[in-house]
Amino acid sequence: LTAFAEQVFIKDVRKCVTFLAFDVQTKENDGYLNDIAERFSSFCISRGVFLRSLGNTIYVMPPYCITKKQFIRIEDTVCDFLDDQLSGSTD
């Protein structure tokens, strides 16, 4: 969580128990129509992780029965996506 909060392109980090959400700063307006949503979903699915965002808001709400290995896979996928966004590459 701290690593996300330190990044310039991440804003409004919020968490509650097992729920985590944050907004990705883009050149577009915040909201449901922000095109990062489609890129994020495609990126995650290509890695076998089923997450989606609501516009530029990325959220993770895993089930209580998630294993540590599964959680790390989700975390790695989100971090890889953010690294790609920071570096400007398009996957």
N, C-alpha and C. Protein backbone atom coordinates (compact mmCIF):
# COMPACT_ATOMS: atom_id res chain seq x y z
N LEU A 1 0.83 -1.20 0.00
CA LEU A 1 0.00 0.00 0.00
C LEU A 1 0.87 1.25 0.00
N THR A 2 1.91 1.27 0.79
CA THR A 2 2.78 2.43 0.85
C THR A 2 3.45 2.68 -0.49
N ALA A 3 3.88 1.61 -1.16
CA ALA A 3 4.53 1.77 -2.46
C ALA A 3 3.57 2.42 -3.45
N PHE A 4 2.28 2.03 -3.43
CA PHE A 4 1.30 2.64 -4.31
C PHE A 4 1.16 4.13 -4.00
N ALA A 5 1.04 4.45 -2.73
CA ALA A 5 0.79 5.82 -2.32
C ALA A 5 1.95 6.74 -2.68
N GLU A 6 3.15 6.20 -2.76
CA GLU A 6 4.32 7.01 -3.09
C GLU A 6 4.42 7.32 -4.57
N GLN A 7 3.69 6.63 -5.40
CA GLN A 7 3.76 6.85 -6.84
C GLN A 7 2.94 8.07 -7.23
N VAL A 8 3.48 8.87 -8.10
CA VAL A 8 2.82 10.09 -8.55
C VAL A 8 1.53 9.78 -9.30
N PHE A 9 1.48 8.67 -10.01
CA PHE A 9 0.33 8.36 -10.84
C PHE A 9 -0.80 7.65 -10.09
N ILE A 10 -0.64 7.48 -8.79
CA ILE A 10 -1.67 6.85 -7.96
C ILE A 10 -2.21 7.91 -7.01
N LYS A 11 -3.54 7.94 -6.90
CA LYS A 11 -4.13 8.91 -5.97
C LYS A 11 -5.34 8.28 -5.28
N ASP A 12 -5.72 8.87 -4.20
CA ASP A 12 -6.92 8.49 -3.46
C ASP A 12 -6.95 6.99 -3.12
N VAL A 13 -5.90 6.53 -2.45
CA VAL A 13 -5.84 5.12 -2.02
C VAL A 13 -6.78 4.94 -0.84
N ARG A 14 -7.61 3.91 -0.91
CA ARG A 14 -8.50 3.60 0.20
C ARG A 14 -8.55 2.09 0.41
N LYS A 15 -8.69 1.73 1.68
CA LYS A 15 -8.74 0.31 2.02
C LYS A 15 -9.64 0.12 3.22
N CYS A 16 -10.22 -1.05 3.28
CA CYS A 16 -11.07 -1.42 4.40
C CYS A 16 -11.06 -2.94 4.48
N VAL A 17 -10.44 -3.47 5.50
CA VAL A 17 -10.27 -4.90 5.71
C VAL A 17 -9.61 -5.52 4.47
N THR A 18 -10.33 -6.26 3.63
CA THR A 18 -9.70 -6.91 2.47
C THR A 18 -9.95 -6.16 1.17
N PHE A 19 -10.55 -5.00 1.24
CA PHE A 19 -10.87 -4.21 0.05
C PHE A 19 -9.80 -3.15 -0.14
N LEU A 20 -9.31 -3.00 -1.36
CA LEU A 20 -8.34 -1.97 -1.71
C LEU A 20 -8.79 -1.32 -3.00
N ALA A 21 -8.78 -0.02 -3.03
CA ALA A 21 -9.11 0.72 -4.25
C ALA A 21 -8.21 1.94 -4.34
N PHE A 22 -7.91 2.33 -5.57
CA PHE A 22 -7.13 3.55 -5.79
C PHE A 22 -7.41 4.02 -7.20
N ASP A 23 -7.14 5.29 -7.43
CA ASP A 23 -7.34 5.88 -8.75
C ASP A 23 -6.00 6.02 -9.44
N VAL A 24 -5.99 5.73 -10.73
CA VAL A 24 -4.80 5.91 -11.54
C VAL A 24 -4.92 7.25 -12.24
N GLN A 25 -3.94 8.11 -12.03
CA GLN A 25 -3.93 9.42 -12.67
C GLN A 25 -3.63 9.25 -14.16
N THR A 26 -4.50 9.74 -15.01
CA THR A 26 -4.29 9.69 -16.45
C THR A 26 -4.50 11.09 -17.02
N LYS A 27 -4.27 11.23 -18.31
CA LYS A 27 -4.49 12.52 -18.96
C LYS A 27 -5.97 12.78 -19.19
N GLU A 28 -6.77 11.73 -19.09
CA GLU A 28 -8.21 11.88 -19.27
C GLU A 28 -8.86 12.28 -17.95
N ASN A 29 -10.13 12.65 -18.04
CA ASN A 29 -10.90 12.94 -16.84
C ASN A 29 -11.14 11.65 -16.06
N ASP A 30 -11.23 11.79 -14.74
CA ASP A 30 -11.59 10.65 -13.90
C ASP A 30 -13.02 10.23 -14.23
N GLY A 31 -13.30 8.95 -14.06
CA GLY A 31 -14.67 8.50 -14.26
C GLY A 31 -14.76 7.18 -14.96
N TYR A 32 -16.00 6.71 -15.10
CA TYR A 32 -16.27 5.40 -15.68
C TYR A 32 -15.84 5.25 -17.13
N LEU A 33 -15.74 6.33 -17.86
CA LEU A 33 -15.41 6.25 -19.28
C LEU A 33 -13.92 6.37 -19.56
N ASN A 34 -13.12 6.47 -18.55
CA ASN A 34 -11.68 6.55 -18.72
C ASN A 34 -11.20 5.27 -19.40
N ASP A 35 -10.40 5.39 -20.44
CA ASP A 35 -10.03 4.20 -21.23
C ASP A 35 -9.02 3.28 -20.56
N ILE A 36 -8.52 3.64 -19.41
CA ILE A 36 -7.59 2.75 -18.72
C ILE A 36 -8.29 1.46 -18.28
N ALA A 37 -9.60 1.52 -18.11
CA ALA A 37 -10.37 0.35 -17.68
C ALA A 37 -10.20 -0.82 -18.64
N GLU A 38 -10.33 -0.55 -19.91
CA GLU A 38 -10.22 -1.62 -20.91
C GLU A 38 -8.80 -2.17 -20.95
N ARG A 39 -7.81 -1.29 -20.89
CA ARG A 39 -6.41 -1.74 -20.90
C ARG A 39 -6.10 -2.59 -19.66
N PHE A 40 -6.62 -2.16 -18.50
CA PHE A 40 -6.37 -2.89 -17.27
C PHE A 40 -7.00 -4.29 -17.32
N SER A 41 -8.24 -4.36 -17.74
CA SER A 41 -8.92 -5.66 -17.81
C SER A 41 -8.20 -6.61 -18.75
N SER A 42 -7.84 -6.13 -19.92
CA SER A 42 -7.12 -6.97 -20.89
C SER A 42 -5.78 -7.44 -20.33
N PHE A 43 -5.07 -6.54 -19.68
CA PHE A 43 -3.78 -6.87 -19.09
C PHE A 43 -3.93 -7.99 -18.07
N CYS A 44 -4.90 -7.84 -17.18
CA CYS A 44 -5.12 -8.84 -16.12
C CYS A 44 -5.53 -10.18 -16.70
N ILE A 45 -6.47 -10.16 -17.62
CA ILE A 45 -6.95 -11.41 -18.21
C ILE A 45 -5.83 -12.15 -18.93
N SER A 46 -4.95 -11.40 -19.59
CA SER A 46 -3.83 -12.03 -20.30
C SER A 46 -2.89 -12.76 -19.34
N ARG A 47 -2.96 -12.42 -18.07
CA ARG A 47 -2.14 -13.07 -17.05
C ARG A 47 -2.94 -14.03 -16.17
N GLY A 48 -4.18 -14.29 -16.56
CA GLY A 48 -5.00 -15.25 -15.82
C GLY A 48 -5.57 -14.71 -14.52
N VAL A 49 -5.61 -13.39 -14.39
CA VAL A 49 -6.18 -12.75 -13.20
C VAL A 49 -7.43 -12.01 -13.64
N PHE A 50 -8.53 -12.27 -12.97
CA PHE A 50 -9.79 -11.67 -13.37
C PHE A 50 -10.15 -10.50 -12.46
N LEU A 51 -9.68 -9.33 -12.86
CA LEU A 51 -9.98 -8.07 -12.19
C LEU A 51 -10.48 -7.10 -13.24
N ARG A 52 -11.25 -6.14 -12.80
CA ARG A 52 -11.64 -5.08 -13.70
C ARG A 52 -11.64 -3.80 -12.91
N SER A 53 -11.60 -2.72 -13.62
CA SER A 53 -11.65 -1.43 -12.95
C SER A 53 -12.93 -0.72 -13.34
N LEU A 54 -13.27 0.26 -12.56
CA LEU A 54 -14.39 1.14 -12.90
C LEU A 54 -13.75 2.43 -13.39
N GLY A 55 -13.61 2.55 -14.68
CA GLY A 55 -12.89 3.70 -15.22
C GLY A 55 -11.46 3.67 -14.75
N ASN A 56 -10.99 4.78 -14.19
CA ASN A 56 -9.61 4.83 -13.72
C ASN A 56 -9.47 4.38 -12.26
N THR A 57 -10.54 3.83 -11.68
CA THR A 57 -10.47 3.30 -10.32
C THR A 57 -10.24 1.80 -10.37
N ILE A 58 -9.12 1.40 -9.82
CA ILE A 58 -8.78 -0.02 -9.74
C ILE A 58 -9.11 -0.49 -8.34
N TYR A 59 -9.80 -1.60 -8.25
CA TYR A 59 -10.14 -2.12 -6.94
C TYR A 59 -9.88 -3.62 -6.89
N VAL A 60 -9.52 -4.06 -5.70
CA VAL A 60 -9.26 -5.48 -5.46
C VAL A 60 -10.07 -5.85 -4.22
N MET A 61 -10.91 -6.85 -4.36
CA MET A 61 -11.72 -7.32 -3.25
C MET A 61 -11.73 -8.86 -3.29
N PRO A 62 -10.64 -9.46 -2.85
CA PRO A 62 -10.55 -10.92 -2.93
C PRO A 62 -11.44 -11.60 -1.90
N PRO A 63 -11.80 -12.85 -2.16
CA PRO A 63 -12.59 -13.59 -1.18
C PRO A 63 -11.74 -13.91 0.05
N TYR A 64 -12.40 -14.16 1.16
CA TYR A 64 -11.67 -14.49 2.38
C TYR A 64 -10.88 -15.78 2.26
N CYS A 65 -11.27 -16.66 1.35
CA CYS A 65 -10.60 -17.95 1.22
C CYS A 65 -9.40 -17.91 0.27
N ILE A 66 -8.97 -16.74 -0.14
CA ILE A 66 -7.84 -16.63 -1.07
C ILE A 66 -6.56 -17.13 -0.39
N THR A 67 -5.72 -17.78 -1.18
CA THR A 67 -4.44 -18.24 -0.65
C THR A 67 -3.41 -17.13 -0.80
N LYS A 68 -2.35 -17.26 -0.06
CA LYS A 68 -1.26 -16.28 -0.15
C LYS A 68 -0.70 -16.24 -1.58
N LYS A 69 -0.55 -17.41 -2.18
CA LYS A 69 -0.02 -17.50 -3.54
C LYS A 69 -0.94 -16.78 -4.53
N GLN A 70 -2.24 -16.96 -4.38
CA GLN A 70 -3.20 -16.28 -5.26
C GLN A 70 -3.16 -14.77 -5.06
N PHE A 71 -3.05 -14.34 -3.81
CA PHE A 71 -3.00 -12.91 -3.53
C PHE A 71 -1.74 -12.28 -4.12
N ILE A 72 -0.62 -12.96 -4.00
CA ILE A 72 0.64 -12.46 -4.57
C ILE A 72 0.53 -12.35 -6.08
N ARG A 73 -0.16 -13.29 -6.70
CA ARG A 73 -0.36 -13.22 -8.16
C ARG A 73 -1.16 -11.98 -8.54
N ILE A 74 -2.20 -11.68 -7.77
CA ILE A 74 -2.99 -10.47 -8.02
C ILE A 74 -2.12 -9.23 -7.82
N GLU A 75 -1.41 -9.21 -6.72
CA GLU A 75 -0.55 -8.06 -6.41
C GLU A 75 0.49 -7.84 -7.51
N ASP A 76 1.15 -8.91 -7.94
CA ASP A 76 2.16 -8.81 -9.00
C ASP A 76 1.55 -8.30 -10.29
N THR A 77 0.35 -8.76 -10.63
CA THR A 77 -0.31 -8.33 -11.86
C THR A 77 -0.63 -6.85 -11.82
N VAL A 78 -1.19 -6.39 -10.71
CA VAL A 78 -1.52 -4.96 -10.58
C VAL A 78 -0.24 -4.12 -10.64
N CYS A 79 0.79 -4.55 -9.93
CA CYS A 79 2.06 -3.81 -9.95
C CYS A 79 2.69 -3.79 -11.33
N ASP A 80 2.64 -4.91 -12.04
CA ASP A 80 3.17 -4.95 -13.41
C ASP A 80 2.41 -3.99 -14.32
N PHE A 81 1.10 -3.95 -14.17
CA PHE A 81 0.30 -3.02 -14.97
C PHE A 81 0.70 -1.58 -14.67
N LEU A 82 0.84 -1.26 -13.40
CA LEU A 82 1.22 0.11 -13.03
C LEU A 82 2.62 0.44 -13.53
N ASP A 83 3.55 -0.52 -13.47
CA ASP A 83 4.89 -0.29 -14.00
C ASP A 83 4.83 -0.01 -15.50
N ASP A 84 3.98 -0.76 -16.22
CA ASP A 84 3.82 -0.53 -17.66
C ASP A 84 3.26 0.86 -17.92
N GLN A 85 2.30 1.28 -17.11
CA GLN A 85 1.71 2.60 -17.27
C GLN A 85 2.73 3.69 -17.01
N LEU A 86 3.56 3.50 -15.99
CA LEU A 86 4.58 4.49 -15.64
C LEU A 86 5.62 4.60 -16.74
N SER A 87 6.01 3.44 -17.29
CA SER A 87 7.03 3.46 -18.33
C SER A 87 6.49 3.88 -19.69
N GLY A 88 5.14 3.93 -19.79
CA GLY A 88 4.53 4.36 -21.04
C GLY A 88 4.38 3.28 -22.08
N SER A 89 4.72 2.03 -21.71
CA SER A 89 4.57 0.95 -22.69
C SER A 89 3.11 0.56 -22.80
N THR A 90 2.76 -0.03 -23.93
CA THR A 90 1.40 -0.50 -24.13
C THR A 90 1.45 -1.99 -24.36
N ASP A 91 0.77 -2.72 -23.53
CA ASP A 91 0.76 -4.18 -23.63
C ASP A 91 -0.43 -4.64 -24.40
